Amino acid sequence: MLSRIVWLILIVLFAGCLDPYAPPTGAADVVILVVDGSLDTSEGSATVALSRGATLSMPDSFPTVGNAFVAVEDALGNIYPLTEESAGNYQATGIPIYSDAQYRLHIITQENEEYYSDAVAPRA
């Protein structure tokens, strides 16, 4: 009998400690910039796709981010701008990419949001 009372008290205590969570559902609530990119050391090319996070109401919709300034920067201060080939997809070729050098991505969106990645060495 005593163990039943203890279990009942524990259940009531734990059930009372839960706070409801209302995740964002509208497009205005999702402003996360999603960056998918790569550097190809063998071809000296860079490819970057920019989009926004998806909402719960439209989980398969990732709005592209077009008309942005996207560039690869090396540790020496050289800037290699990427060209928007299609909506949200940016590319550049002829970039001197060395496996022992450091590179970072620089993005400025049409809304004037500015982002820099960490400087990292490309993987072989």
PDB file of N, CA and C in Angstrom:
ATOM      1  N   MET A   1       0.829  -1.195   0.000  1.00  0.00           N
ATOM      2  CA  MET A   1       0.000   0.000   0.000  1.00  0.00           C
ATOM      3  C   MET A   1       0.869   1.252   0.000  1.00  0.00           C
ATOM      4  N   LEU A   2       1.901   1.250   0.801  1.00  0.00           N
ATOM      5  CA  LEU A   2       2.783   2.405   0.892  1.00  0.00           C
ATOM      6  C   LEU A   2       3.505   2.652  -0.429  1.00  0.00           C
ATOM      7  N   SER A   3       3.907   1.573  -1.105  1.00  0.00           N
ATOM      8  CA  SER A   3       4.606   1.751  -2.382  1.00  0.00           C
ATOM      9  C   SER A   3       3.687   2.349  -3.440  1.00  0.00           C
ATOM     10  N   ARG A   4       2.393   2.021  -3.383  1.00  0.00           N
ATOM     11  CA  ARG A   4       1.445   2.603  -4.336  1.00  0.00           C
ATOM     12  C   ARG A   4       1.315   4.110  -4.116  1.00  0.00           C
ATOM     13  N   ILE A   5       1.314   4.519  -2.878  1.00  0.00           N
ATOM     14  CA  ILE A   5       1.214   5.949  -2.564  1.00  0.00           C
ATOM     15  C   ILE A   5       2.472   6.681  -3.042  1.00  0.00           C
ATOM     16  N   VAL A   6       3.634   6.074  -2.836  1.00  0.00           N
ATOM     17  CA  VAL A   6       4.894   6.682  -3.282  1.00  0.00           C
ATOM     18  C   VAL A   6       4.887   6.825  -4.800  1.00  0.00           C
ATOM     19  N   TRP A   7       4.450   5.799  -5.516  1.00  0.00           N
ATOM     20  CA  TRP A   7       4.387   5.870  -6.981  1.00  0.00           C
ATOM     21  C   TRP A   7       3.405   6.942  -7.430  1.00  0.00           C
ATOM     22  N   LEU A   8       2.283   7.046  -6.772  1.00  0.00           N
ATOM     23  CA  LEU A   8       1.299   8.055  -7.119  1.00  0.00           C
ATOM     24  C   LEU A   8       1.860   9.462  -6.915  1.00  0.00           C
ATOM     25  N   ILE A   9       2.562   9.672  -5.831  1.00  0.00           N
ATOM     26  CA  ILE A   9       3.182  10.976  -5.570  1.00  0.00           C
ATOM     27  C   ILE A   9       4.227  11.287  -6.632  1.00  0.00           C
ATOM     28  N   LEU A  10       5.056  10.313  -6.987  1.00  0.00           N
ATOM     29  CA  LEU A  10       6.075  10.527  -8.017  1.00  0.00           C
ATOM     30  C   LEU A  10       5.450  10.853  -9.371  1.00  0.00           C
ATOM     31  N   ILE A  11       4.400  10.149  -9.729  1.00  0.00           N
ATOM     32  CA  ILE A  11       3.735  10.405 -11.005  1.00  0.00           C
ATOM     33  C   ILE A  11       3.157  11.820 -11.029  1.00  0.00           C
ATOM     34  N   VAL A  12       2.524  12.233  -9.956  1.00  0.00           N
ATOM     35  CA  VAL A  12       1.940  13.569  -9.887  1.00  0.00           C
ATOM     36  C   VAL A  12       3.044  14.633  -9.958  1.00  0.00           C
ATOM     37  N   LEU A  13       4.142  14.406  -9.257  1.00  0.00           N
ATOM     38  CA  LEU A  13       5.245  15.370  -9.279  1.00  0.00           C
ATOM     39  C   LEU A  13       5.844  15.516 -10.670  1.00  0.00           C
ATOM     40  N   PHE A  14       6.138  14.401 -11.326  1.00  0.00           N
ATOM     41  CA  PHE A  14       6.757  14.472 -12.646  1.00  0.00           C
ATOM     42  C   PHE A  14       5.790  14.970 -13.715  1.00  0.00           C
ATOM     43  N   ALA A  15       4.538  14.617 -13.618  1.00  0.00           N
ATOM     44  CA  ALA A  15       3.551  15.077 -14.594  1.00  0.00           C
ATOM     45  C   ALA A  15       3.334  16.581 -14.474  1.00  0.00           C
ATOM     46  N   GLY A  16       3.479  17.120 -13.279  1.00  0.00           N
ATOM     47  CA  GLY A  16       3.290  18.547 -13.058  1.00  0.00           C
ATOM     48  C   GLY A  16       4.481  19.381 -13.477  1.00  0.00           C
ATOM     49  N   CYS A  17       5.616  18.780 -13.821  1.00  0.00           N
ATOM     50  CA  CYS A  17       6.830  19.517 -14.161  1.00  0.00           C
ATOM     51  C   CYS A  17       7.007  19.720 -15.661  1.00  0.00           C
ATOM     52  N   LEU A  18       6.088  19.253 -16.452  1.00  0.00           N
ATOM     53  CA  LEU A  18       6.229  19.371 -17.899  1.00  0.00           C
ATOM     54  C   LEU A  18       5.659  20.693 -18.380  1.00  0.00           C
ATOM     55  N   ASP A  19       6.443  21.425 -19.185  1.00  0.00           N
ATOM     56  CA  ASP A  19       5.977  22.658 -19.801  1.00  0.00           C
ATOM     57  C   ASP A  19       5.712  22.382 -21.275  1.00  0.00           C
ATOM     58  N   PRO A  20       4.590  22.836 -21.786  1.00  0.00           N
ATOM     59  CA  PRO A  20       4.308  22.620 -23.210  1.00  0.00           C
ATOM     60  C   PRO A  20       5.273  23.444 -24.071  1.00  0.00           C
ATOM     61  N   TYR A  21       5.639  22.913 -25.230  1.00  0.00           N
ATOM     62  CA  TYR A  21       6.510  23.591 -26.183  1.00  0.00           C
ATOM     63  C   TYR A  21       5.750  23.791 -27.480  1.00  0.00           C
ATOM     64  N   ALA A  22       5.683  25.020 -27.925  1.00  0.00           N
ATOM     65  CA  ALA A  22       5.019  25.339 -29.185  1.00  0.00           C
ATOM     66  C   ALA A  22       6.100  25.674 -30.217  1.00  0.00           C
ATOM     67  N   PRO A  23       6.443  24.731 -31.095  1.00  0.00           N
ATOM     68  CA  PRO A  23       7.480  24.993 -32.095  1.00  0.00           C
ATOM     69  C   PRO A  23       7.013  26.010 -33.124  1.00  0.00           C
ATOM     70  N   PRO A  24       7.962  26.725 -33.755  1.00  0.00           N
ATOM     71  CA  PRO A  24       7.554  27.691 -34.780  1.00  0.00           C
ATOM     72  C   PRO A  24       6.890  26.981 -35.956  1.00  0.00           C
ATOM     73  N   THR A  25       5.805  27.559 -36.465  1.00  0.00           N
ATOM     74  CA  THR A  25       5.075  26.918 -37.560  1.00  0.00           C
ATOM     75  C   THR A  25       5.028  27.766 -38.815  1.00  0.00           C
ATOM     76  N   GLY A  26       5.197  29.068 -38.697  1.00  0.00           N
ATOM     77  CA  GLY A  26       5.090  29.939 -39.865  1.00  0.00           C
ATOM     78  C   GLY A  26       6.443  30.240 -40.482  1.00  0.00           C
ATOM     79  N   ALA A  27       6.421  30.647 -41.748  1.00  0.00           N
ATOM     80  CA  ALA A  27       7.664  30.956 -42.464  1.00  0.00           C
ATOM     81  C   ALA A  27       8.414  32.101 -41.806  1.00  0.00           C
ATOM     82  N   ALA A  28       7.693  33.037 -41.182  1.00  0.00           N
ATOM     83  CA  ALA A  28       8.356  34.161 -40.527  1.00  0.00           C
ATOM     84  C   ALA A  28       9.147  33.709 -39.304  1.00  0.00           C
ATOM     85  N   ASP A  29       8.800  32.543 -38.752  1.00  0.00           N
ATOM     86  CA  ASP A  29       9.486  32.040 -37.569  1.00  0.00           C
ATOM     87  C   ASP A  29      10.802  31.341 -37.902  1.00  0.00           C
ATOM     88  N   VAL A  30      11.020  30.991 -39.162  1.00  0.00           N
ATOM     89  CA  VAL A  30      12.213  30.248 -39.557  1.00  0.00           C
ATOM     90  C   VAL A  30      13.120  31.171 -40.364  1.00  0.00           C
ATOM     91  N   VAL A  31      14.188  31.624 -39.742  1.00  0.00           N
ATOM     92  CA  VAL A  31      15.111  32.532 -40.413  1.00  0.00           C
ATOM     93  C   VAL A  31      16.529  31.970 -40.448  1.00  0.00           C
ATOM     94  N   ILE A  32      16.664  30.695 -40.196  1.00  0.00           N
ATOM     95  CA  ILE A  32      17.970  30.052 -40.154  1.00  0.00           C
ATOM     96  C   ILE A  32      18.527  29.936 -41.571  1.00  0.00           C
ATOM     97  N   LEU A  33      19.763  30.392 -41.758  1.00  0.00           N
ATOM     98  CA  LEU A  33      20.428  30.247 -43.044  1.00  0.00           C
ATOM     99  C   LEU A  33      21.098  28.882 -43.080  1.00  0.00           C
ATOM    100  N   VAL A  34      20.767  28.094 -44.101  1.00  0.00           N
ATOM    101  CA  VAL A  34      21.354  26.765 -44.273  1.00  0.00           C
ATOM    102  C   VAL A  34      22.367  26.858 -45.407  1.00  0.00           C
ATOM    103  N   VAL A  35      23.617  26.477 -45.105  1.00  0.00           N
ATOM    104  CA  VAL A  35      24.709  26.559 -46.076  1.00  0.00           C
ATOM    105  C   VAL A  35      25.226  25.154 -46.340  1.00  0.00           C
ATOM    106  N   ASP A  36      25.220  24.769 -47.604  1.00  0.00           N
ATOM    107  CA  ASP A  36      25.739  23.464 -48.014  1.00  0.00           C
ATOM    108  C   ASP A  36      26.796  23.742 -49.077  1.00  0.00           C
ATOM    109  N   GLY A  37      28.058  23.501 -48.747  1.00  0.00           N
ATOM    110  CA  GLY A  37      29.110  23.856 -49.682  1.00  0.00           C
ATOM    111  C   GLY A  37      30.276  22.900 -49.657  1.00  0.00           C
ATOM    112  N   SER A  38      31.113  23.033 -50.697  1.00  0.00           N
ATOM    113  CA  SER A  38      32.311  22.196 -50.766  1.00  0.00           C
ATOM    114  C   SER A  38      33.379  22.887 -51.600  1.00  0.00           C
ATOM    115  N   LEU A  39      34.627  22.546 -51.286  1.00  0.00           N
ATOM    116  CA  LEU A  39      35.785  22.961 -52.070  1.00  0.00           C
ATOM    117  C   LEU A  39      36.372  21.709 -52.694  1.00  0.00           C
ATOM    118  N   ASP A  40      36.692  21.776 -53.967  1.00  0.00           N
ATOM    119  CA  ASP A  40      37.314  20.648 -54.655  1.00  0.00           C
ATOM    120  C   ASP A  40      38.757  21.035 -54.950  1.00  0.00           C
ATOM    121  N   THR A  41      39.688  20.443 -54.205  1.00  0.00           N
ATOM    122  CA  THR A  41      41.098  20.801 -54.367  1.00  0.00           C
ATOM    123  C   THR A  41      41.659  20.358 -55.709  1.00  0.00           C
ATOM    124  N   SER A  42      41.165  19.273 -56.272  1.00  0.00           N
ATOM    125  CA  SER A  42      41.707  18.780 -57.538  1.00  0.00           C
ATOM    126  C   SER A  42      41.293  19.663 -58.720  1.00  0.00           C
ATOM    127  N   GLU A  43      40.107  20.259 -58.658  1.00  0.00           N
ATOM    128  CA  GLU A  43      39.624  21.095 -59.751  1.00  0.00           C
ATOM    129  C   GLU A  43      39.681  22.581 -59.436  1.00  0.00           C
ATOM    130  N   GLY A  44      39.985  22.939 -58.185  1.00  0.00           N
ATOM    131  CA  GLY A  44      40.007  24.343 -57.808  1.00  0.00           C
ATOM    132  C   GLY A  44      38.642  24.989 -57.929  1.00  0.00           C
ATOM    133  N   SER A  45      37.633  24.285 -57.462  1.00  0.00           N
ATOM    134  CA  SER A  45      36.265  24.808 -57.576  1.00  0.00           C
ATOM    135  C   SER A  45      35.584  24.858 -56.214  1.00  0.00           C
ATOM    136  N   ALA A  46      34.595  25.729 -56.141  1.00  0.00           N
ATOM    137  CA  ALA A  46      33.778  25.861 -54.938  1.00  0.00           C
ATOM    138  C   ALA A  46      32.317  25.849 -55.352  1.00  0.00           C
ATOM    139  N   THR A  47      31.505  25.166 -54.575  1.00  0.00           N
ATOM    140  CA  THR A  47      30.066  25.090 -54.806  1.00  0.00           C
ATOM    141  C   THR A  47      29.363  25.341 -53.484  1.00  0.00           C
ATOM    142  N   VAL A  48      28.382  26.234 -53.485  1.00  0.00           N
ATOM    143  CA  VAL A  48      27.633  26.565 -52.272  1.00  0.00           C
ATOM    144  C   VAL A  48      26.151  26.679 -52.623  1.00  0.00           C
ATOM    145  N   ALA A  49      25.306  26.063 -51.814  1.00  0.00           N
ATOM    146  CA  ALA A  49      23.851  26.202 -51.933  1.00  0.00           C
ATOM    147  C   ALA A  49      23.343  26.879 -50.669  1.00  0.00           C
ATOM    148  N   LEU A  50      22.552  27.942 -50.835  1.00  0.00           N
ATOM    149  CA  LEU A  50      21.987  28.671 -49.705  1.00  0.00           C
ATOM    150  C   LEU A  50      20.477  28.511 -49.686  1.00  0.00           C
ATOM    151  N   SER A  51      19.944  28.224 -48.509  1.00  0.00           N
ATOM    152  CA  SER A  51      18.499  28.132 -48.337  1.00  0.00           C
ATOM    153  C   SER A  51      18.157  28.521 -46.911  1.00  0.00           C
ATOM    154  N   ARG A  52      16.888  28.563 -46.622  1.00  0.00           N
ATOM    155  CA  ARG A  52      16.396  28.826 -45.261  1.00  0.00           C
ATOM    156  C   ARG A  52      15.870  27.528 -44.676  1.00  0.00           C
ATOM    157  N   GLY A  53      15.779  27.465 -43.358  1.00  0.00           N
ATOM    158  CA  GLY A  53      15.238  26.288 -42.700  1.00  0.00           C
ATOM    159  C   GLY A  53      13.793  26.063 -43.079  1.00  0.00           C
ATOM    160  N   ALA A  54      13.334  24.834 -42.907  1.00  0.00           N
ATOM    161  CA  ALA A  54      11.954  24.473 -43.257  1.00  0.00           C
ATOM    162  C   ALA A  54      11.034  24.671 -42.063  1.00  0.00           C
ATOM    163  N   THR A  55       9.775  24.966 -42.346  1.00  0.00           N
ATOM    164  CA  THR A  55       8.773  25.079 -41.288  1.00  0.00           C
ATOM    165  C   THR A  55       8.134  23.712 -41.054  1.00  0.00           C
ATOM    166  N   LEU A  56       7.504  23.554 -39.916  1.00  0.00           N
ATOM    167  CA  LEU A  56       6.811  22.300 -39.624  1.00  0.00           C
ATOM    168  C   LEU A  56       5.594  22.110 -40.522  1.00  0.00           C
ATOM    169  N   SER A  57       4.990  23.217 -40.932  1.00  0.00           N
ATOM    170  CA  SER A  57       3.805  23.103 -41.788  1.00  0.00           C
ATOM    171  C   SER A  57       4.175  22.740 -43.223  1.00  0.00           C
ATOM    172  N   MET A  58       5.429  23.012 -43.626  1.00  0.00           N
ATOM    173  CA  MET A  58       5.897  22.675 -44.976  1.00  0.00           C
ATOM    174  C   MET A  58       7.306  22.077 -44.861  1.00  0.00           C
ATOM    175  N   PRO A  59       7.445  20.875 -44.314  1.00  0.00           N
ATOM    176  CA  PRO A  59       8.769  20.316 -44.031  1.00  0.00           C
ATOM    177  C   PRO A  59       9.615  20.006 -45.260  1.00  0.00           C
ATOM    178  N   ASP A  60       9.012  19.929 -46.432  1.00  0.00           N
ATOM    179  CA  ASP A  60       9.777  19.630 -47.643  1.00  0.00           C
ATOM    180  C   ASP A  60      10.121  20.887 -48.433  1.00  0.00           C
ATOM    181  N   SER A  61       9.821  22.059 -47.889  1.00  0.00           N
ATOM    182  CA  SER A  61      10.058  23.315 -48.584  1.00  0.00           C
ATOM    183  C   SER A  61      11.233  24.039 -47.950  1.00  0.00           C
ATOM    184  N   PHE A  62      12.319  24.156 -48.691  1.00  0.00           N
ATOM    185  CA  PHE A  62      13.489  24.882 -48.233  1.00  0.00           C
ATOM    186  C   PHE A  62      13.686  26.077 -49.160  1.00  0.00           C
ATOM    187  N   PRO A  63      13.197  27.269 -48.777  1.00  0.00           N
ATOM    188  CA  PRO A  63      13.301  28.428 -49.665  1.00  0.00           C
ATOM    189  C   PRO A  63      14.764  28.759 -49.966  1.00  0.00           C
ATOM    190  N   THR A  64      15.075  28.920 -51.246  1.00  0.00           N
ATOM    191  CA  THR A  64      16.442  29.247 -51.636  1.00  0.00           C
ATOM    192  C   THR A  64      16.745  30.702 -51.298  1.00  0.00           C
ATOM    193  N   VAL A  65      18.024  30.994 -51.141  1.00  0.00           N
ATOM    194  CA  VAL A  65      18.482  32.346 -50.847  1.00  0.00           C
ATOM    195  C   VAL A  65      19.289  32.824 -52.053  1.00  0.00           C
ATOM    196  N   GLY A  66      18.657  33.646 -52.852  1.00  0.00           N
ATOM    197  CA  GLY A  66      19.297  34.150 -54.061  1.00  0.00           C
ATOM    198  C   GLY A  66      19.806  35.562 -53.894  1.00  0.00           C
ATOM    199  N   ASN A  67      20.496  36.032 -54.917  1.00  0.00           N
ATOM    200  CA  ASN A  67      21.033  37.389 -54.963  1.00  0.00           C
ATOM    201  C   ASN A  67      21.925  37.720 -53.775  1.00  0.00           C
ATOM    202  N   ALA A  68      22.688  36.753 -53.316  1.00  0.00           N
ATOM    203  CA  ALA A  68      23.604  36.970 -52.202  1.00  0.00           C
ATOM    204  C   ALA A  68      25.025  37.119 -52.736  1.00  0.00           C
ATOM    205  N   PHE A  69      25.864  37.765 -51.951  1.00  0.00           N
ATOM    206  CA  PHE A  69      27.296  37.787 -52.233  1.00  0.00           C
ATOM    207  C   PHE A  69      27.888  36.588 -51.505  1.00  0.00           C
ATOM    208  N   VAL A  70      28.541  35.710 -52.245  1.00  0.00           N
ATOM    209  CA  VAL A  70      29.169  34.520 -51.667  1.00  0.00           C
ATOM    210  C   VAL A  70      30.602  34.477 -52.182  1.00  0.00           C
ATOM    211  N   ALA A  71      31.553  34.320 -51.275  1.00  0.00           N
ATOM    212  CA  ALA A  71      32.955  34.289 -51.685  1.00  0.00           C
ATOM    213  C   ALA A  71      33.747  33.352 -50.789  1.00  0.00           C
ATOM    214  N   VAL A  72      34.810  32.798 -51.363  1.00  0.00           N
ATOM    215  CA  VAL A  72      35.801  32.032 -50.611  1.00  0.00           C
ATOM    216  C   VAL A  72      36.976  32.972 -50.374  1.00  0.00           C
ATOM    217  N   GLU A  73      37.446  33.032 -49.139  1.00  0.00           N
ATOM    218  CA  GLU A  73      38.581  33.880 -48.793  1.00  0.00           C
ATOM    219  C   GLU A  73      39.692  33.016 -48.244  1.00  0.00           C
ATOM    220  N   ASP A  74      40.936  33.294 -48.670  1.00  0.00           N
ATOM    221  CA  ASP A  74      42.063  32.541 -48.124  1.00  0.00           C
ATOM    222  C   ASP A  74      42.737  33.345 -47.017  1.00  0.00           C
ATOM    223  N   ALA A  75      43.702  32.740 -46.349  1.00  0.00           N
ATOM    224  CA  ALA A  75      44.360  33.364 -45.207  1.00  0.00           C
ATOM    225  C   ALA A  75      45.216  34.561 -45.613  1.00  0.00           C
ATOM    226  N   LEU A  76      45.542  34.692 -46.893  1.00  0.00           N
ATOM    227  CA  LEU A  76      46.346  35.816 -47.367  1.00  0.00           C
ATOM    228  C   LEU A  76      45.491  37.027 -47.732  1.00  0.00           C
ATOM    229  N   GLY A  77      44.172  36.887 -47.632  1.00  0.00           N
ATOM    230  CA  GLY A  77      43.274  37.986 -47.937  1.00  0.00           C
ATOM    231  C   GLY A  77      42.733  37.984 -49.355  1.00  0.00           C
ATOM    232  N   ASN A  78      43.064  36.971 -50.129  1.00  0.00           N
ATOM    233  CA  ASN A  78      42.510  36.863 -51.482  1.00  0.00           C
ATOM    234  C   ASN A  78      41.043  36.479 -51.410  1.00  0.00           C
ATOM    235  N   ILE A  79      40.231  37.117 -52.244  1.00  0.00           N
ATOM    236  CA  ILE A  79      38.787  36.877 -52.254  1.00  0.00           C
ATOM    237  C   ILE A  79      38.398  36.331 -53.623  1.00  0.00           C
ATOM    238  N   TYR A  80      37.679  35.202 -53.601  1.00  0.00           N
ATOM    239  CA  TYR A  80      37.224  34.544 -54.831  1.00  0.00           C
ATOM    240  C   TYR A  80      35.698  34.496 -54.817  1.00  0.00           C
ATOM    241  N   PRO A  81      35.049  35.480 -55.499  1.00  0.00           N
ATOM    242  CA  PRO A  81      33.585  35.508 -55.507  1.00  0.00           C
ATOM    243  C   PRO A  81      32.995  34.337 -56.298  1.00  0.00           C
ATOM    244  N   LEU A  82      31.863  33.849 -55.833  1.00  0.00           N
ATOM    245  CA  LEU A  82      31.132  32.793 -56.525  1.00  0.00           C
ATOM    246  C   LEU A  82      29.991  33.435 -57.304  1.00  0.00           C
ATOM    247  N   THR A  83      29.639  32.840 -58.423  1.00  0.00           N
ATOM    248  CA  THR A  83      28.558  33.324 -59.276  1.00  0.00           C
ATOM    249  C   THR A  83      27.310  32.498 -59.029  1.00  0.00           C
ATOM    250  N   GLU A  84      26.163  33.163 -58.968  1.00  0.00           N
ATOM    251  CA  GLU A  84      24.898  32.447 -58.794  1.00  0.00           C
ATOM    252  C   GLU A  84      24.509  31.821 -60.131  1.00  0.00           C
ATOM    253  N   GLU A  85      24.598  30.501 -60.198  1.00  0.00           N
ATOM    254  CA  GLU A  85      24.289  29.757 -61.426  1.00  0.00           C
ATOM    255  C   GLU A  85      22.793  29.517 -61.584  1.00  0.00           C
ATOM    256  N   SER A  86      22.118  29.276 -60.481  1.00  0.00           N
ATOM    257  CA  SER A  86      20.657  29.140 -60.436  1.00  0.00           C
ATOM    258  C   SER A  86      20.228  29.607 -59.052  1.00  0.00           C
ATOM    259  N   ALA A  87      18.938  29.726 -58.821  1.00  0.00           N
ATOM    260  CA  ALA A  87      18.439  30.286 -57.566  1.00  0.00           C
ATOM    261  C   ALA A  87      19.063  29.608 -56.348  1.00  0.00           C
ATOM    262  N   GLY A  88      19.870  30.349 -55.602  1.00  0.00           N
ATOM    263  CA  GLY A  88      20.478  29.841 -54.378  1.00  0.00           C
ATOM    264  C   GLY A  88      21.692  28.957 -54.558  1.00  0.00           C
ATOM    265  N   ASN A  89      22.128  28.721 -55.800  1.00  0.00           N
ATOM    266  CA  ASN A  89      23.291  27.861 -56.066  1.00  0.00           C
ATOM    267  C   ASN A  89      24.429  28.690 -56.649  1.00  0.00           C
ATOM    268  N   TYR A  90      25.565  28.682 -55.953  1.00  0.00           N
ATOM    269  CA  TYR A  90      26.701  29.524 -56.299  1.00  0.00           C
ATOM    270  C   TYR A  90      27.907  28.640 -56.610  1.00  0.00           C
ATOM    271  N   GLN A  91      28.692  29.067 -57.636  1.00  0.00           N
ATOM    272  CA  GLN A  91      29.855  28.273 -58.046  1.00  0.00           C
ATOM    273  C   GLN A  91      30.989  29.178 -58.498  1.00  0.00           C
ATOM    274  N   ALA A  92      32.194  28.643 -58.406  1.00  0.00           N
ATOM    275  CA  ALA A  92      33.385  29.294 -58.958  1.00  0.00           C
ATOM    276  C   ALA A  92      34.388  28.213 -59.297  1.00  0.00           C
ATOM    277  N   THR A  93      35.165  28.463 -60.338  1.00  0.00           N
ATOM    278  CA  THR A  93      36.246  27.548 -60.715  1.00  0.00           C
ATOM    279  C   THR A  93      37.523  28.363 -60.850  1.00  0.00           C
ATOM    280  N   GLY A  94      38.644  27.658 -60.934  1.00  0.00           N
ATOM    281  CA  GLY A  94      39.926  28.330 -61.082  1.00  0.00           C
ATOM    282  C   GLY A  94      40.457  28.935 -59.797  1.00  0.00           C
ATOM    283  N   ILE A  95      39.984  28.457 -58.670  1.00  0.00           N
ATOM    284  CA  ILE A  95      40.462  28.948 -57.377  1.00  0.00           C
ATOM    285  C   ILE A  95      41.699  28.139 -56.992  1.00  0.00           C
ATOM    286  N   PRO A  96      42.816  28.812 -56.670  1.00  0.00           N
ATOM    287  CA  PRO A  96      43.986  28.057 -56.218  1.00  0.00           C
ATOM    288  C   PRO A  96      43.758  27.535 -54.793  1.00  0.00           C
ATOM    289  N   ILE A  97      43.427  26.260 -54.676  1.00  0.00           N
ATOM    290  CA  ILE A  97      43.119  25.658 -53.375  1.00  0.00           C
ATOM    291  C   ILE A  97      44.244  24.696 -53.010  1.00  0.00           C
ATOM    292  N   TYR A  98      44.876  24.959 -51.879  1.00  0.00           N
ATOM    293  CA  TYR A  98      45.990  24.136 -51.413  1.00  0.00           C
ATOM    294  C   TYR A  98      45.587  23.430 -50.124  1.00  0.00           C
ATOM    295  N   SER A  99      45.978  22.181 -49.994  1.00  0.00           N
ATOM    296  CA  SER A  99      45.560  21.382 -48.832  1.00  0.00           C
ATOM    297  C   SER A  99      46.137  21.890 -47.524  1.00  0.00           C
ATOM    298  N   ASP A 100      47.246  22.645 -47.576  1.00  0.00           N
ATOM    299  CA  ASP A 100      47.847  23.138 -46.332  1.00  0.00           C
ATOM    300  C   ASP A 100      47.464  24.588 -46.022  1.00  0.00           C
ATOM    301  N   ALA A 101      46.537  25.177 -46.776  1.00  0.00           N
ATOM    302  CA  ALA A 101      46.102  26.558 -46.557  1.00  0.00           C
ATOM    303  C   ALA A 101      44.757  26.579 -45.833  1.00  0.00           C
ATOM    304  N   GLN A 102      44.395  27.745 -45.325  1.00  0.00           N
ATOM    305  CA  GLN A 102      43.129  27.936 -44.608  1.00  0.00           C
ATOM    306  C   GLN A 102      42.185  28.784 -45.466  1.00  0.00           C
ATOM    307  N   TYR A 103      40.906  28.408 -45.480  1.00  0.00           N
ATOM    308  CA  TYR A 103      39.892  29.118 -46.257  1.00  0.00           C
ATOM    309  C   TYR A 103      38.653  29.323 -45.393  1.00  0.00           C
ATOM    310  N   ARG A 104      37.929  30.392 -45.702  1.00  0.00           N
ATOM    311  CA  ARG A 104      36.643  30.619 -45.034  1.00  0.00           C
ATOM    312  C   ARG A 104      35.636  31.112 -46.053  1.00  0.00           C
ATOM    313  N   LEU A 105      34.378  30.977 -45.697  1.00  0.00           N
ATOM    314  CA  LEU A 105      33.277  31.392 -46.558  1.00  0.00           C
ATOM    315  C   LEU A 105      32.735  32.714 -46.033  1.00  0.00           C
ATOM    316  N   HIS A 106      32.470  33.646 -46.944  1.00  0.00           N
ATOM    317  CA  HIS A 106      31.908  34.947 -46.604  1.00  0.00           C
ATOM    318  C   HIS A 106      30.598  35.102 -47.378  1.00  0.00           C
ATOM    319  N   ILE A 107      29.518  35.378 -46.652  1.00  0.00           N
ATOM    320  CA  ILE A 107      28.193  35.492 -47.260  1.00  0.00           C
ATOM    321  C   ILE A 107      27.547  36.790 -46.801  1.00  0.00           C
ATOM    322  N   ILE A 108      26.968  37.524 -47.756  1.00  0.00           N
ATOM    323  CA  ILE A 108      26.124  38.675 -47.444  1.00  0.00           C
ATOM    324  C   ILE A 108      24.813  38.462 -48.197  1.00  0.00           C
ATOM    325  N   THR A 109      23.718  38.314 -47.461  1.00  0.00           N
ATOM    326  CA  THR A 109      22.425  38.070 -48.094  1.00  0.00           C
ATOM    327  C   THR A 109      21.841  39.376 -48.639  1.00  0.00           C
ATOM    328  N   GLN A 110      20.778  39.242 -49.421  1.00  0.00           N
ATOM    329  CA  GLN A 110      20.095  40.395 -49.990  1.00  0.00           C
ATOM    330  C   GLN A 110      19.536  41.291 -48.886  1.00  0.00           C
ATOM    331  N   GLU A 111      19.248  40.719 -47.728  1.00  0.00           N
ATOM    332  CA  GLU A 111      18.741  41.484 -46.577  1.00  0.00           C
ATOM    333  C   GLU A 111      19.883  42.107 -45.777  1.00  0.00           C
ATOM    334  N   ASN A 112      21.099  42.027 -46.299  1.00  0.00           N
ATOM    335  CA  ASN A 112      22.307  42.588 -45.696  1.00  0.00           C
ATOM    336  C   ASN A 112      22.729  41.863 -44.407  1.00  0.00           C
ATOM    337  N   GLU A 113      22.377  40.589 -44.293  1.00  0.00           N
ATOM    338  CA  GLU A 113      22.868  39.763 -43.187  1.00  0.00           C
ATOM    339  C   GLU A 113      24.241  39.240 -43.602  1.00  0.00           C
ATOM    340  N   GLU A 114      25.231  39.398 -42.729  1.00  0.00           N
ATOM    341  CA  GLU A 114      26.596  39.018 -43.087  1.00  0.00           C
ATOM    342  C   GLU A 114      27.066  37.855 -42.223  1.00  0.00           C
ATOM    343  N   TYR A 115      27.686  36.872 -42.874  1.00  0.00           N
ATOM    344  CA  TYR A 115      28.148  35.667 -42.199  1.00  0.00           C
ATOM    345  C   TYR A 115      29.576  35.341 -42.639  1.00  0.00           C
ATOM    346  N   TYR A 116      30.373  34.865 -41.698  1.00  0.00           N
ATOM    347  CA  TYR A 116      31.705  34.328 -41.977  1.00  0.00           C
ATOM    348  C   TYR A 116      31.792  32.943 -41.351  1.00  0.00           C
ATOM    349  N   SER A 117      32.329  31.994 -42.079  1.00  0.00           N
ATOM    350  CA  SER A 117      32.583  30.688 -41.478  1.00  0.00           C
ATOM    351  C   SER A 117      33.933  30.743 -40.762  1.00  0.00           C
ATOM    352  N   ASP A 118      34.239  29.707 -40.025  1.00  0.00           N
ATOM    353  CA  ASP A 118      35.578  29.574 -39.449  1.00  0.00           C
ATOM    354  C   ASP A 118      36.543  29.278 -40.591  1.00  0.00           C
ATOM    355  N   ALA A 119      37.798  29.679 -40.415  1.00  0.00           N
ATOM    356  CA  ALA A 119      38.831  29.355 -41.407  1.00  0.00           C
ATOM    357  C   ALA A 119      39.285  27.910 -41.155  1.00  0.00           C
ATOM    358  N   VAL A 120      39.231  27.102 -42.195  1.00  0.00           N
ATOM    359  CA  VAL A 120      39.615  25.693 -42.079  1.00  0.00           C
ATOM    360  C   VAL A 120      40.420  25.278 -43.295  1.00  0.00           C
ATOM    361  N   ALA A 121      41.192  24.215 -43.134  1.00  0.00           N
ATOM    362  CA  ALA A 121      41.928  23.627 -44.253  1.00  0.00           C
ATOM    363  C   ALA A 121      41.025  22.628 -44.958  1.00  0.00           C
ATOM    364  N   PRO A 122      41.094  22.566 -46.283  1.00  0.00           N
ATOM    365  CA  PRO A 122      40.250  21.587 -46.998  1.00  0.00           C
ATOM    366  C   PRO A 122      40.701  20.167 -46.702  1.00  0.00           C
ATOM    367  N   ARG A 123      39.759  19.242 -46.734  1.00  0.00           N
ATOM    368  CA  ARG A 123      40.082  17.818 -46.545  1.00  0.00           C
ATOM    369  C   ARG A 123      40.527  17.244 -47.878  1.00  0.00           C
ATOM    370  N   ALA A 124      41.466  16.328 -47.787  1.00  0.00           N
ATOM    371  CA  ALA A 124      41.958  15.686 -49.014  1.00  0.00           C
ATOM    372  C   ALA A 124      41.075  14.537 -49.415  1.00  0.00           C
TER     373      ALA A 124
END
